[in-house]
PDB file of N, CA and C in Angstrom:
ATOM      1  N   MET A   1     -29.776  31.794  85.380  1.00  0.00           N
ATOM      2  CA  MET A   1     -29.868  31.870  83.835  1.00  0.00           C
ATOM      3  C   MET A   1     -28.705  30.915  83.147  1.00  0.00           C
ATOM      4  N   THR A   2     -29.105  30.271  82.193  1.00  0.00           N
ATOM      5  CA  THR A   2     -28.122  29.551  81.499  1.00  0.00           C
ATOM      6  C   THR A   2     -27.365  30.436  80.476  1.00  0.00           C
ATOM      7  N   PRO A   3     -26.250  29.844  80.027  1.00  0.00           N
ATOM      8  CA  PRO A   3     -25.510  30.691  79.067  1.00  0.00           C
ATOM      9  C   PRO A   3     -26.260  30.942  77.629  1.00  0.00           C
ATOM     10  N   LYS A   4     -27.080  29.880  77.513  1.00  0.00           N
ATOM     11  CA  LYS A   4     -27.896  30.202  76.216  1.00  0.00           C
ATOM     12  C   LYS A   4     -28.780  31.102  76.505  1.00  0.00           C
ATOM     13  N   GLU A   5     -29.679  31.028  77.386  1.00  0.00           N
ATOM     14  CA  GLU A   5     -30.598  32.225  77.956  1.00  0.00           C
ATOM     15  C   GLU A   5     -29.936  33.461  77.891  1.00  0.00           C
ATOM     16  N   LYS A   6     -28.678  33.714  78.578  1.00  0.00           N
ATOM     17  CA  LYS A   6     -28.109  34.958  78.493  1.00  0.00           C
ATOM     18  C   LYS A   6     -27.726  35.399  77.144  1.00  0.00           C
ATOM     19  N   ALA A   7     -27.218  34.196  76.151  1.00  0.00           N
ATOM     20  CA  ALA A   7     -26.707  34.675  74.714  1.00  0.00           C
ATOM     21  C   ALA A   7     -28.002  35.304  74.187  1.00  0.00           C
ATOM     22  N   GLU A   8     -29.113  34.561  74.373  1.00  0.00           N
ATOM     23  CA  GLU A   8     -30.409  35.177  73.828  1.00  0.00           C
ATOM     24  C   GLU A   8     -30.938  36.334  74.328  1.00  0.00           C
ATOM     25  N   GLU A   9     -30.608  36.660  75.520  1.00  0.00           N
ATOM     26  CA  GLU A   9     -31.133  37.799  76.065  1.00  0.00           C
ATOM     27  C   GLU A   9     -30.125  38.873  75.619  1.00  0.00           C
ATOM     28  N   LEU A  10     -29.004  38.895  75.264  1.00  0.00           N
ATOM     29  CA  LEU A  10     -28.085  39.696  74.926  1.00  0.00           C
ATOM     30  C   LEU A  10     -28.592  40.084  73.535  1.00  0.00           C
ATOM     31  N   ILE A  11     -28.969  39.127  72.746  1.00  0.00           N
ATOM     32  CA  ILE A  11     -29.050  39.240  71.453  1.00  0.00           C
ATOM     33  C   ILE A  11     -30.399  40.222  71.102  1.00  0.00           C
ATOM     34  N   ARG A  12     -31.234  39.845  71.948  1.00  0.00           N
ATOM     35  CA  ARG A  12     -32.593  40.649  71.956  1.00  0.00           C
ATOM     36  C   ARG A  12     -32.364  42.176  72.534  1.00  0.00           C
ATOM     37  N   ARG A  13     -31.479  42.318  73.222  1.00  0.00           N
ATOM     38  CA  ARG A  13     -31.340  43.849  73.670  1.00  0.00           C
ATOM     39  C   ARG A  13     -30.629  44.581  72.593  1.00  0.00           C
ATOM     40  N   PHE A  14     -29.702  44.074  71.626  1.00  0.00           N
ATOM     41  CA  PHE A  14     -29.068  44.730  70.885  1.00  0.00           C
ATOM     42  C   PHE A  14     -30.134  44.496  69.458  1.00  0.00           C
ATOM     43  N   TYR A  15     -30.931  43.768  69.343  1.00  0.00           N
ATOM     44  CA  TYR A  15     -31.734  43.665  67.988  1.00  0.00           C
ATOM     45  C   TYR A  15     -32.093  44.758  67.212  1.00  0.00           C
ATOM     46  N   SER A  16     -32.440  45.861  67.879  1.00  0.00           N
ATOM     47  CA  SER A  16     -32.874  46.999  67.367  1.00  0.00           C
ATOM     48  C   SER A  16     -32.044  47.695  66.465  1.00  0.00           C
ATOM     49  N   ILE A  17     -30.411  47.246  66.261  1.00  0.00           N
ATOM     50  CA  ILE A  17     -29.591  47.941  65.482  1.00  0.00           C
ATOM     51  C   ILE A  17     -29.528  47.030  64.351  1.00  0.00           C
ATOM     52  N   GLY A  18     -30.155  45.810  64.207  1.00  0.00           N
ATOM     53  CA  GLY A  18     -29.964  44.941  63.085  1.00  0.00           C
ATOM     54  C   GLY A  18     -29.493  43.610  63.369  1.00  0.00           C
ATOM     55  N   ALA A  19     -29.869  42.560  62.643  1.00  0.00           N
ATOM     56  CA  ALA A  19     -29.596  41.050  63.060  1.00  0.00           C
ATOM     57  C   ALA A  19     -28.041  40.804  63.227  1.00  0.00           C
ATOM     58  N   ILE A  20     -27.310  41.177  62.233  1.00  0.00           N
ATOM     59  CA  ILE A  20     -26.035  41.113  62.279  1.00  0.00           C
ATOM     60  C   ILE A  20     -25.159  41.691  63.244  1.00  0.00           C
ATOM     61  N   GLU A  21     -25.567  43.111  63.321  1.00  0.00           N
ATOM     62  CA  GLU A  21     -24.700  44.104  64.138  1.00  0.00           C
ATOM     63  C   GLU A  21     -25.384  43.354  65.719  1.00  0.00           C
ATOM     64  N   CYS A  22     -26.545  42.952  65.926  1.00  0.00           N
ATOM     65  CA  CYS A  22     -26.443  42.723  67.373  1.00  0.00           C
ATOM     66  C   CYS A  22     -25.676  41.645  67.721  1.00  0.00           C
ATOM     67  N   LYS A  23     -25.693  40.845  67.034  1.00  0.00           N
ATOM     68  CA  LYS A  23     -24.640  39.481  67.299  1.00  0.00           C
ATOM     69  C   LYS A  23     -23.073  40.076  67.532  1.00  0.00           C
ATOM     70  N   GLN A  24     -22.619  40.993  66.909  1.00  0.00           N
ATOM     71  CA  GLN A  24     -21.324  41.346  66.754  1.00  0.00           C
ATOM     72  C   GLN A  24     -21.408  42.122  68.416  1.00  0.00           C
ATOM     73  N   CYS A  25     -22.363  43.019  68.496  1.00  0.00           N
ATOM     74  CA  CYS A  25     -22.328  43.810  69.670  1.00  0.00           C
ATOM     75  C   CYS A  25     -22.471  42.888  71.174  1.00  0.00           C
ATOM     76  N   ALA A  26     -22.904  41.920  71.028  1.00  0.00           N
ATOM     77  CA  ALA A  26     -23.124  40.982  72.038  1.00  0.00           C
ATOM     78  C   ALA A  26     -22.059  40.240  72.383  1.00  0.00           C
ATOM     79  N   LEU A  27     -21.218  39.783  71.128  1.00  0.00           N
ATOM     80  CA  LEU A  27     -19.957  39.472  71.397  1.00  0.00           C
ATOM     81  C   LEU A  27     -18.900  40.130  72.119  1.00  0.00           C
ATOM     82  N   ILE A  28     -19.118  41.623  71.636  1.00  0.00           N
ATOM     83  CA  ILE A  28     -18.429  42.771  72.114  1.00  0.00           C
ATOM     84  C   ILE A  28     -18.598  42.727  73.268  1.00  0.00           C
ATOM     85  N   ALA A  29     -19.725  42.650  74.160  1.00  0.00           N
ATOM     86  CA  ALA A  29     -20.108  43.016  75.599  1.00  0.00           C
ATOM     87  C   ALA A  29     -19.336  41.852  76.190  1.00  0.00           C
ATOM     88  N   VAL A  30     -19.503  40.635  75.693  1.00  0.00           N
ATOM     89  CA  VAL A  30     -18.918  39.504  76.358  1.00  0.00           C
ATOM     90  C   VAL A  30     -17.636  39.626  76.600  1.00  0.00           C
ATOM     91  N   ASP A  31     -16.979  40.002  75.484  1.00  0.00           N
ATOM     92  CA  ASP A  31     -15.429  40.096  75.607  1.00  0.00           C
ATOM     93  C   ASP A  31     -15.110  41.267  76.570  1.00  0.00           C
ATOM     94  N   GLU A  32     -15.827  42.527  76.465  1.00  0.00           N
ATOM     95  CA  GLU A  32     -15.556  43.379  77.510  1.00  0.00           C
ATOM     96  C   GLU A  32     -15.498  42.831  79.139  1.00  0.00           C
ATOM     97  N   ILE A  33     -16.480  42.124  79.172  1.00  0.00           N
ATOM     98  CA  ILE A  33     -16.514  41.351  80.638  1.00  0.00           C
ATOM     99  C   ILE A  33     -15.812  40.484  80.889  1.00  0.00           C
ATOM    100  N   LEU A  34     -15.136  39.706  79.831  1.00  0.00           N
ATOM    101  CA  LEU A  34     -14.110  38.898  80.218  1.00  0.00           C
ATOM    102  C   LEU A  34     -12.864  39.554  80.074  1.00  0.00           C
ATOM    103  N   ASN A  35     -12.324  40.613  79.704  1.00  0.00           N
ATOM    104  CA  ASN A  35     -11.302  41.339  79.705  1.00  0.00           C
ATOM    105  C   ASN A  35     -11.243  42.525  80.744  1.00  0.00           C
ATOM    106  N   SER A  36     -12.227  42.646  81.467  1.00  0.00           N
ATOM    107  CA  SER A  36     -12.531  43.592  82.338  1.00  0.00           C
ATOM    108  C   SER A  36     -11.658  43.271  83.779  1.00  0.00           C
ATOM    109  N   ASN A  37     -12.048  44.020  84.806  1.00  0.00           N
ATOM    110  CA  ASN A  37     -11.190  43.849  86.104  1.00  0.00           C
ATOM    111  C   ASN A  37     -12.369  43.309  86.877  1.00  0.00           C
ATOM    112  N   TYR A  38     -13.263  42.771  86.621  1.00  0.00           N
ATOM    113  CA  TYR A  38     -14.462  42.171  87.316  1.00  0.00           C
ATOM    114  C   TYR A  38     -14.154  41.514  88.647  1.00  0.00           C
ATOM    115  N   LYS A  39     -13.224  40.586  88.417  1.00  0.00           N
ATOM    116  CA  LYS A  39     -12.700  39.753  89.286  1.00  0.00           C
ATOM    117  C   LYS A  39     -12.376  40.579  90.485  1.00  0.00           C
ATOM    118  N   ASN A  40     -11.793  41.790  90.447  1.00  0.00           N
ATOM    119  CA  ASN A  40     -11.459  42.776  91.609  1.00  0.00           C
ATOM    120  C   ASN A  40     -12.517  43.464  92.285  1.00  0.00           C
ATOM    121  N   THR A  41     -13.641  43.358  91.664  1.00  0.00           N
ATOM    122  CA  THR A  41     -14.945  44.212  92.067  1.00  0.00           C
ATOM    123  C   THR A  41     -16.017  43.428  92.530  1.00  0.00           C
ATOM    124  N   LEU A  42     -16.059  42.266  92.242  1.00  0.00           N
ATOM    125  CA  LEU A  42     -17.055  41.234  92.703  1.00  0.00           C
ATOM    126  C   LEU A  42     -17.429  41.592  93.951  1.00  0.00           C
ATOM    127  N   THR A  43     -18.967  41.304  94.297  1.00  0.00           N
ATOM    128  CA  THR A  43     -19.266  41.386  95.894  1.00  0.00           C
ATOM    129  C   THR A  43     -20.062  40.178  96.078  1.00  0.00           C
ATOM    130  N   ASP A  44     -21.293  40.168  95.898  1.00  0.00           N
ATOM    131  CA  ASP A  44     -22.184  39.234  96.180  1.00  0.00           C
ATOM    132  C   ASP A  44     -22.007  38.054  95.213  1.00  0.00           C
ATOM    133  N   LEU A  45     -21.487  38.066  94.208  1.00  0.00           N
ATOM    134  CA  LEU A  45     -21.255  37.217  93.295  1.00  0.00           C
ATOM    135  C   LEU A  45     -19.965  36.214  93.650  1.00  0.00           C
ATOM    136  N   CYS A  46     -19.171  36.785  94.312  1.00  0.00           N
ATOM    137  CA  CYS A  46     -18.156  36.057  94.873  1.00  0.00           C
ATOM    138  C   CYS A  46     -18.662  34.877  95.998  1.00  0.00           C
ATOM    139  N   TYR A  47     -19.862  35.209  96.417  1.00  0.00           N
ATOM    140  CA  TYR A  47     -20.056  34.188  97.375  1.00  0.00           C
ATOM    141  C   TYR A  47     -20.755  33.051  96.802  1.00  0.00           C
ATOM    142  N   LYS A  48     -21.492  33.044  95.467  1.00  0.00           N
ATOM    143  CA  LYS A  48     -21.927  32.088  94.662  1.00  0.00           C
ATOM    144  C   LYS A  48     -20.939  31.383  93.573  1.00  0.00           C
ATOM    145  N   PHE A  49     -20.164  31.944  93.169  1.00  0.00           N
ATOM    146  CA  PHE A  49     -19.285  31.575  92.205  1.00  0.00           C
ATOM    147  C   PHE A  49     -17.630  31.652  92.418  1.00  0.00           C
ATOM    148  N   THR A  50     -16.796  30.782  91.826  1.00  0.00           N
ATOM    149  CA  THR A  50     -15.559  31.333  91.958  1.00  0.00           C
ATOM    150  C   THR A  50     -15.074  32.324  90.784  1.00  0.00           C
ATOM    151  N   CYS A  51     -14.082  33.017  90.453  1.00  0.00           N
ATOM    152  CA  CYS A  51     -13.924  33.586  89.562  1.00  0.00           C
ATOM    153  C   CYS A  51     -13.726  32.722  88.069  1.00  0.00           C
ATOM    154  N   ASN A  52     -13.190  31.607  88.516  1.00  0.00           N
ATOM    155  CA  ASN A  52     -13.002  30.919  87.312  1.00  0.00           C
ATOM    156  C   ASN A  52     -14.262  30.026  86.739  1.00  0.00           C
ATOM    157  N   GLU A  53     -15.330  30.017  87.592  1.00  0.00           N
ATOM    158  CA  GLU A  53     -16.471  29.696  87.035  1.00  0.00           C
ATOM    159  C   GLU A  53     -17.276  30.581  86.336  1.00  0.00           C
ATOM    160  N   LEU A  54     -17.061  31.881  86.839  1.00  0.00           N
ATOM    161  CA  LEU A  54     -17.785  33.344  86.209  1.00  0.00           C
ATOM    162  C   LEU A  54     -17.118  33.293  84.697  1.00  0.00           C
ATOM    163  N   ASP A  55     -15.830  32.867  84.642  1.00  0.00           N
ATOM    164  CA  ASP A  55     -15.065  33.248  83.326  1.00  0.00           C
ATOM    165  C   ASP A  55     -15.616  31.817  82.541  1.00  0.00           C
ATOM    166  N   ASN A  56     -15.819  30.483  83.212  1.00  0.00           N
ATOM    167  CA  ASN A  56     -16.360  29.522  82.194  1.00  0.00           C
ATOM    168  C   ASN A  56     -17.862  29.728  81.544  1.00  0.00           C
ATOM    169  N   TYR A  57     -18.754  30.586  82.863  1.00  0.00           N
ATOM    170  CA  TYR A  57     -20.063  31.137  82.287  1.00  0.00           C
ATOM    171  C   TYR A  57     -19.992  31.832  81.098  1.00  0.00           C
ATOM    172  N   TRP A  58     -19.270  33.104  81.172  1.00  0.00           N
ATOM    173  CA  TRP A  58     -19.167  33.802  80.187  1.00  0.00           C
ATOM    174  C   TRP A  58     -18.460  33.292  78.714  1.00  0.00           C
ATOM    175  N   GLU A  59     -17.651  32.410  78.986  1.00  0.00           N
ATOM    176  CA  GLU A  59     -17.000  31.644  77.884  1.00  0.00           C
ATOM    177  C   GLU A  59     -18.222  31.045  76.898  1.00  0.00           C
ATOM    178  N   GLU A  60     -19.206  30.138  77.896  1.00  0.00           N
ATOM    179  CA  GLU A  60     -20.164  29.505  77.235  1.00  0.00           C
ATOM    180  C   GLU A  60     -21.302  30.406  76.769  1.00  0.00           C
ATOM    181  N   VAL A  61     -21.394  31.751  77.181  1.00  0.00           N
ATOM    182  CA  VAL A  61     -22.409  32.866  76.731  1.00  0.00           C
ATOM    183  C   VAL A  61     -22.003  33.086  75.306  1.00  0.00           C
ATOM    184  N   LYS A  62     -20.810  33.214  75.122  1.00  0.00           N
ATOM    185  CA  LYS A  62     -19.783  33.529  73.937  1.00  0.00           C
ATOM    186  C   LYS A  62     -20.257  32.779  73.102  1.00  0.00           C
ATOM    187  N   LYS A  63     -19.916  31.516  73.161  1.00  0.00           N
ATOM    188  CA  LYS A  63     -20.116  29.999  72.225  1.00  0.00           C
ATOM    189  C   LYS A  63     -21.683  29.998  71.843  1.00  0.00           C
ATOM    190  N   GLU A  64     -22.416  30.394  72.989  1.00  0.00           N
ATOM    191  CA  GLU A  64     -24.034  30.529  72.351  1.00  0.00           C
ATOM    192  C   GLU A  64     -24.389  31.484  71.423  1.00  0.00           C
ATOM    193  N   ILE A  65     -23.745  32.805  71.804  1.00  0.00           N
ATOM    194  CA  ILE A  65     -23.815  33.950  70.741  1.00  0.00           C
ATOM    195  C   ILE A  65     -23.395  33.445  69.515  1.00  0.00           C
ATOM    196  N   GLU A  66     -22.435  33.005  69.369  1.00  0.00           N
ATOM    197  CA  GLU A  66     -21.649  32.625  68.114  1.00  0.00           C
ATOM    198  C   GLU A  66     -22.492  31.534  67.467  1.00  0.00           C
ATOM    199  N   LYS A  67     -23.236  30.530  68.014  1.00  0.00           N
ATOM    200  CA  LYS A  67     -24.421  29.844  67.174  1.00  0.00           C
ATOM    201  C   LYS A  67     -25.419  30.489  66.713  1.00  0.00           C
ATOM    202  N   LEU A  68     -25.739  31.480  67.396  1.00  0.00           N
ATOM    203  CA  LEU A  68     -26.908  32.189  66.973  1.00  0.00           C
ATOM    204  C   LEU A  68     -26.902  32.734  65.422  1.00  0.00           C
TER     205      LEU A  68
END
């Protein structure tokens, strides 16, 4: 899934609470992922991506959300 597709999916999932609020919730969700300890708890994703690539992916998702 591209960062843009993930951004759109997150917005759709939060849309029931309102257009502006859903964007804020999606950004909060991405920030939580970026600030979490996920790098130490990855399993199958470690085989596909490096932690740096995952950080870059979520940063791109965040940028796409901000564009919406």
